């Protein structure tokens, strides 16, 4: 039986799905929607937090993080996960300007049309009404996030083109980018157990509130469990988490998006959509 509602999330590395969209994914999975996650790399360039796991690097780290991702998907109730082009097809590019950006197999160096063709295969199989990834700045400027946006947008357009690739064309009706309103960031400054920035600007991400079109109330408990699964990359303490930079962020059960294509859905009292489906 094909689920009536189908949504495809495209993320750059293991852990991105839980950090940015975990509560949303868990909500829709629990409601019976088909939630498909495509991850573009194995995260081989990630900085490992636990001292006892710092021997992991490169391919060994990527393999370990794939296992963490499987546990996170289980926590979110997501049973359809794929690596773009197959496991290990493209490598983690590291942060912008790093030597790893030049690796011939890194995602930043991928031909966007070649990568989009791989994603189009998934789109035509899953037939989602909704696609979700990052904005054209990759949320915070990471090259793999920027590339994920480029590839996902190409796939969004090309999947409907019968002249592109194989399989029956499919037109996805809505396309979203993850977003964090600056006002929500401001609420988290100076709270929690981690060393937090003194100002919103120090986070290095966030968008003006008027750019945010959609507010989704999801499952914060499932998101917390998924974040704990990414032990090499994420530390969770109570209602907050931090990456290797030890900059703490509240774990939000409400997640925000900017609709980049498609007609508006039902609006809440704040004038924003209350879900990803029309």
Protein backbone atom coordinates (compact mmCIF):
# COMPACT_ATOMS: atom_id res chain seq x y z
CA UNK A 1 0.00 0.00 0.00
CA UNK A 2 1.41 3.38 -1.05
CA UNK A 3 1.27 6.06 1.64
CA UNK A 4 -0.97 8.97 0.70
CA UNK A 5 1.56 11.55 1.88
CA UNK A 6 5.22 11.23 0.85
CA UNK A 7 8.12 13.53 1.70
CA UNK A 8 11.77 13.35 0.68
CA UNK A 9 14.51 14.91 2.83
CA UNK A 10 17.94 15.53 1.28
CA UNK A 11 20.77 16.03 3.78
CA UNK A 12 24.53 16.36 3.43
CA UNK A 13 25.91 14.23 6.28
CA UNK A 14 24.77 11.83 8.98
CA UNK A 15 23.41 13.95 11.89
CA UNK A 16 22.10 16.79 9.69
CA UNK A 17 18.74 15.06 9.43
CA UNK A 18 18.35 14.96 13.21
CA UNK A 19 19.67 18.46 13.92
CA UNK A 20 17.57 20.32 11.36
CA UNK A 21 14.53 18.20 10.62
CA UNK A 22 14.37 15.36 13.16
CA UNK A 23 11.18 16.46 14.90
CA UNK A 24 9.40 16.94 11.58
CA UNK A 25 10.53 13.58 10.23
CA UNK A 26 9.39 11.80 13.39
CA UNK A 27 6.01 13.52 13.32
CA UNK A 28 5.22 12.55 9.76
CA UNK A 29 6.55 9.02 10.16
CA UNK A 30 4.30 8.56 13.21
CA UNK A 31 1.34 9.89 11.22
CA UNK A 32 1.87 7.23 8.55
CA UNK A 33 3.49 9.33 5.84
CA UNK A 34 6.27 7.82 3.75
CA UNK A 35 9.38 9.64 4.96
CA UNK A 36 12.42 9.08 2.75
CA UNK A 37 15.87 10.35 3.71
CA UNK A 38 18.71 10.70 1.22
CA UNK A 39 22.15 11.43 2.70
CA UNK A 40 24.80 12.70 0.29
CA UNK A 41 28.02 11.67 2.11
CA UNK A 42 29.20 9.51 5.01
CA UNK A 43 30.67 12.45 6.95
CA UNK A 44 34.29 11.28 6.75
CA UNK A 45 35.62 14.74 7.70
CA UNK A 46 33.63 15.14 10.91
CA UNK A 47 35.38 16.10 14.15
CA UNK A 48 34.98 13.31 16.70
CA UNK A 49 33.95 14.40 20.20
CA UNK A 50 34.38 11.37 22.54
CA UNK A 51 38.08 10.78 23.34
CA UNK A 52 37.65 7.01 23.13
CA UNK A 53 36.47 7.31 19.50
CA UNK A 54 39.04 9.80 18.22
CA UNK A 55 41.00 7.04 16.56
CA UNK A 56 38.27 7.06 13.91
CA UNK A 57 38.95 9.09 10.77
CA UNK A 58 38.37 8.96 7.03
CA UNK A 59 36.67 5.84 5.74
CA UNK A 60 36.55 4.24 9.20
CA UNK A 61 34.73 7.28 10.57
CA UNK A 62 32.34 7.30 7.63
CA UNK A 63 31.45 3.66 8.20
CA UNK A 64 30.93 4.29 11.91
CA UNK A 65 28.72 7.31 11.23
CA UNK A 66 26.60 5.25 8.85
CA UNK A 67 25.85 3.02 11.82
CA UNK A 68 24.97 6.04 13.93
CA UNK A 69 22.63 7.21 11.19
CA UNK A 70 20.84 3.86 11.14
CA UNK A 71 20.21 4.20 14.89
CA UNK A 72 19.00 7.79 14.45
CA UNK A 73 16.58 6.76 11.71
CA UNK A 74 15.21 4.04 13.98
CA UNK A 75 14.65 6.64 16.71
CA UNK A 76 12.79 8.85 14.22
CA UNK A 77 10.69 5.99 12.87
CA UNK A 78 12.20 6.41 9.40
CA UNK A 79 12.70 3.12 7.57
CA UNK A 80 13.51 4.43 4.07
CA UNK A 81 17.06 5.75 4.01
CA UNK A 82 19.46 5.84 1.05
CA UNK A 83 22.92 7.23 0.41
CA UNK A 84 22.98 9.29 -2.77
CA UNK A 85 24.41 7.13 -5.54
CA UNK A 86 25.06 4.33 -3.07
CA UNK A 87 27.07 4.21 0.16
CA UNK A 88 30.36 6.09 -0.23
CA UNK A 89 29.69 7.38 -3.75
CA UNK A 90 30.68 10.92 -2.70
CA UNK A 91 32.91 11.89 0.21
CA UNK A 92 32.49 14.57 2.84
CA UNK A 93 34.11 17.78 1.57
CA UNK A 94 34.92 19.28 4.96
CA UNK A 95 34.43 22.93 5.82
CA UNK A 96 34.68 25.62 3.16
CA UNK A 97 38.31 26.34 2.20
CA UNK A 98 39.69 23.08 3.63
CA UNK A 99 42.08 20.98 1.48
CA UNK A 100 39.45 18.23 1.51
CA UNK A 101 37.34 20.46 -0.78
CA UNK A 102 39.75 19.49 -3.57
CA UNK A 103 39.44 15.72 -3.20
CA UNK A 104 38.23 14.43 -6.60
CA UNK A 105 35.59 12.23 -4.95
CA UNK A 106 34.21 14.82 -2.54
CA UNK A 107 30.65 16.00 -2.94
CA UNK A 108 31.70 19.59 -3.56
CA UNK A 109 33.48 18.39 -6.72
CA UNK A 110 30.53 16.28 -7.92
CA UNK A 111 28.93 17.09 -11.25
CA UNK A 112 25.55 18.50 -10.14
CA UNK A 113 23.74 16.92 -13.08
CA UNK A 114 25.28 13.51 -12.39
CA UNK A 115 24.32 13.74 -8.72
CA UNK A 116 20.86 15.05 -9.65
CA UNK A 117 20.31 12.06 -11.93
CA UNK A 118 20.91 9.78 -8.95
CA UNK A 119 18.39 11.76 -6.90
CA UNK A 120 15.86 11.80 -9.74
CA UNK A 121 15.82 7.99 -9.59
CA UNK A 122 14.75 8.23 -5.97
CA UNK A 123 12.18 10.94 -6.66
CA UNK A 124 10.56 8.90 -9.42
CA UNK A 125 10.44 5.84 -7.21
CA UNK A 126 9.16 7.51 -4.03
CA UNK A 127 6.99 10.10 -5.83
CA UNK A 128 7.01 12.66 -3.00
CA UNK A 129 4.65 15.60 -2.91
CA UNK A 130 7.27 17.48 -0.86
CA UNK A 131 11.07 17.81 -0.97
CA UNK A 132 13.15 19.34 1.83
CA UNK A 133 16.81 20.39 1.89
CA UNK A 134 18.78 23.61 2.59
CA UNK A 135 18.72 27.08 1.06
CA UNK A 136 21.30 28.17 -1.53
CA UNK A 137 23.73 29.08 1.27
CA UNK A 138 23.49 25.58 2.67
CA UNK A 139 21.99 26.94 5.92
CA UNK A 140 25.41 28.01 7.21
CA UNK A 141 27.78 27.90 4.23
CA UNK A 142 29.10 24.34 4.32
CA UNK A 143 30.05 23.28 0.77
CA UNK A 144 28.21 19.95 1.00
CA UNK A 145 25.06 21.71 2.17
CA UNK A 146 25.30 24.18 -0.71
CA UNK A 147 25.81 21.31 -3.13
CA UNK A 148 22.88 19.41 -1.60
CA UNK A 149 20.66 22.41 -2.37
CA UNK A 150 21.91 22.59 -5.96
CA UNK A 151 21.42 18.87 -6.54
CA UNK A 152 18.01 18.72 -4.85
CA UNK A 153 16.73 21.70 -6.82
CA UNK A 154 17.94 20.17 -10.10
CA UNK A 155 16.23 16.91 -9.20
CA UNK A 156 13.04 18.77 -8.26
CA UNK A 157 12.96 20.30 -11.75
CA UNK A 158 14.38 17.41 -13.79
CA UNK A 159 12.22 14.64 -12.30
CA UNK A 160 9.26 16.13 -14.18
CA UNK A 161 11.16 16.20 -17.49
CA UNK A 162 10.55 13.04 -19.57
CA UNK A 163 13.75 13.74 -21.53
CA UNK A 164 15.91 13.44 -18.39
CA UNK A 165 17.03 10.06 -17.10
CA UNK A 166 15.02 6.89 -16.78
CA UNK A 167 11.66 6.10 -15.26
CA UNK A 168 8.25 7.71 -15.30
CA UNK A 169 8.38 11.50 -14.79
CA UNK A 170 7.12 12.87 -11.50
CA UNK A 171 6.35 16.44 -10.53
CA UNK A 172 6.91 17.22 -6.85
CA UNK A 173 4.62 20.09 -5.92
CA UNK A 174 6.44 21.68 -2.98
CA UNK A 175 10.09 22.42 -2.15
CA UNK A 176 11.32 23.64 1.25
CA UNK A 177 14.58 24.83 2.75
CA UNK A 178 15.38 24.53 6.44
CA UNK A 179 15.43 27.86 8.27
CA UNK A 180 16.08 29.21 11.74
CA UNK A 181 14.37 32.52 12.58
CA UNK A 182 16.71 35.02 14.21
CA UNK A 183 14.13 35.62 16.94
CA UNK A 184 14.24 31.93 17.90
CA UNK A 185 18.04 32.01 17.98
CA UNK A 186 17.90 35.04 20.25
CA UNK A 187 15.77 33.13 22.76
CA UNK A 188 18.55 30.55 23.15
CA UNK A 189 21.42 32.97 23.79
CA UNK A 190 22.81 32.49 27.30
CA UNK A 191 20.69 29.43 28.17
CA UNK A 192 21.59 25.81 28.76
CA UNK A 193 24.63 23.90 30.07
CA UNK A 194 27.03 24.68 27.22
CA UNK A 195 29.10 27.77 26.53
CA UNK A 196 26.71 29.73 24.33
CA UNK A 197 27.43 32.76 22.15
CA UNK A 198 26.84 36.18 23.63
CA UNK A 199 24.91 37.30 20.55
CA UNK A 200 22.86 35.88 17.71
CA UNK A 201 25.50 36.94 15.17
CA UNK A 202 28.06 34.57 16.68
CA UNK A 203 26.00 31.52 15.70
CA UNK A 204 26.83 32.04 12.02
CA UNK A 205 23.36 31.06 10.78
CA UNK A 206 19.74 32.14 11.01
CA UNK A 207 17.47 34.17 8.74
CA UNK A 208 15.19 37.17 9.24
CA UNK A 209 11.83 36.11 10.61
CA UNK A 210 9.96 37.34 7.55
CA UNK A 211 11.78 34.78 5.37
CA UNK A 212 10.32 31.90 7.35
CA UNK A 213 7.09 30.65 5.79
CA UNK A 214 6.46 27.46 7.74
CA UNK A 215 6.43 26.33 11.37
CA UNK A 216 6.11 22.58 12.03
CA UNK A 217 5.44 21.21 15.50
CA UNK A 218 7.08 17.80 15.65
CA UNK A 219 8.31 15.16 18.08
CA UNK A 220 11.05 16.66 20.24
CA UNK A 221 11.60 13.47 22.24
CA UNK A 222 12.31 11.41 19.12
CA UNK A 223 14.62 14.17 17.89
CA UNK A 224 16.55 14.09 21.18
CA UNK A 225 16.95 10.30 20.92
CA UNK A 226 18.17 10.63 17.33
CA UNK A 227 20.71 13.29 18.33
CA UNK A 228 22.05 10.96 21.04
CA UNK A 229 22.58 8.30 18.36
CA UNK A 230 25.11 10.58 16.63
CA UNK A 231 27.59 10.21 19.47
CA UNK A 232 30.73 10.99 17.48
CA UNK A 233 29.38 14.40 16.46
CA UNK A 234 26.82 15.51 19.05
CA UNK A 235 26.75 15.95 22.82
CA UNK A 236 23.30 16.07 24.42
CA UNK A 237 22.70 17.45 27.90
CA UNK A 238 19.10 17.81 28.99
CA UNK A 239 17.23 19.97 26.52
CA UNK A 240 20.36 21.23 24.73
CA UNK A 241 22.97 19.85 22.35
CA UNK A 242 26.37 20.91 21.05
CA UNK A 243 28.68 19.93 18.23
CA UNK A 244 32.47 19.74 18.49
CA UNK A 245 32.71 23.54 18.85
CA UNK A 246 30.86 23.22 22.20
CA UNK A 247 28.41 25.93 21.16
CA UNK A 248 25.12 24.88 22.73
CA UNK A 249 21.72 25.05 21.10
CA UNK A 250 18.28 24.23 22.48
CA UNK A 251 16.69 21.09 21.05
CA UNK A 252 13.59 22.41 19.34
CA UNK A 253 10.53 20.25 18.85
CA UNK A 254 9.29 23.01 16.56
CA UNK A 255 11.19 23.35 13.27
CA UNK A 256 11.09 26.08 10.66
CA UNK A 257 11.26 26.19 6.88
CA UNK A 258 11.14 28.53 3.91
CA UNK A 259 8.90 27.41 1.04
CA UNK A 260 10.82 27.90 -2.20
CA UNK A 261 8.25 26.37 -4.57
CA UNK A 262 4.57 25.49 -4.37
CA UNK A 263 1.38 27.09 -3.18
CA UNK A 264 0.88 27.96 0.51
CA UNK A 265 -0.76 25.42 2.78
CA UNK A 266 -3.02 26.09 5.78
CA UNK A 267 -1.80 28.98 7.93
CA UNK A 268 -1.61 29.24 11.68
CA UNK A 269 -2.24 32.23 13.92
CA UNK A 270 1.27 33.56 13.24
CA UNK A 271 0.63 33.64 9.48
CA UNK A 272 2.95 30.70 8.79
CA UNK A 273 2.08 27.30 7.37
CA UNK A 274 1.58 24.65 10.03
CA UNK A 275 2.85 21.73 7.94
CA UNK A 276 4.72 20.75 4.79
CA UNK A 277 1.75 19.27 2.93
CA UNK A 278 -0.90 21.35 1.22
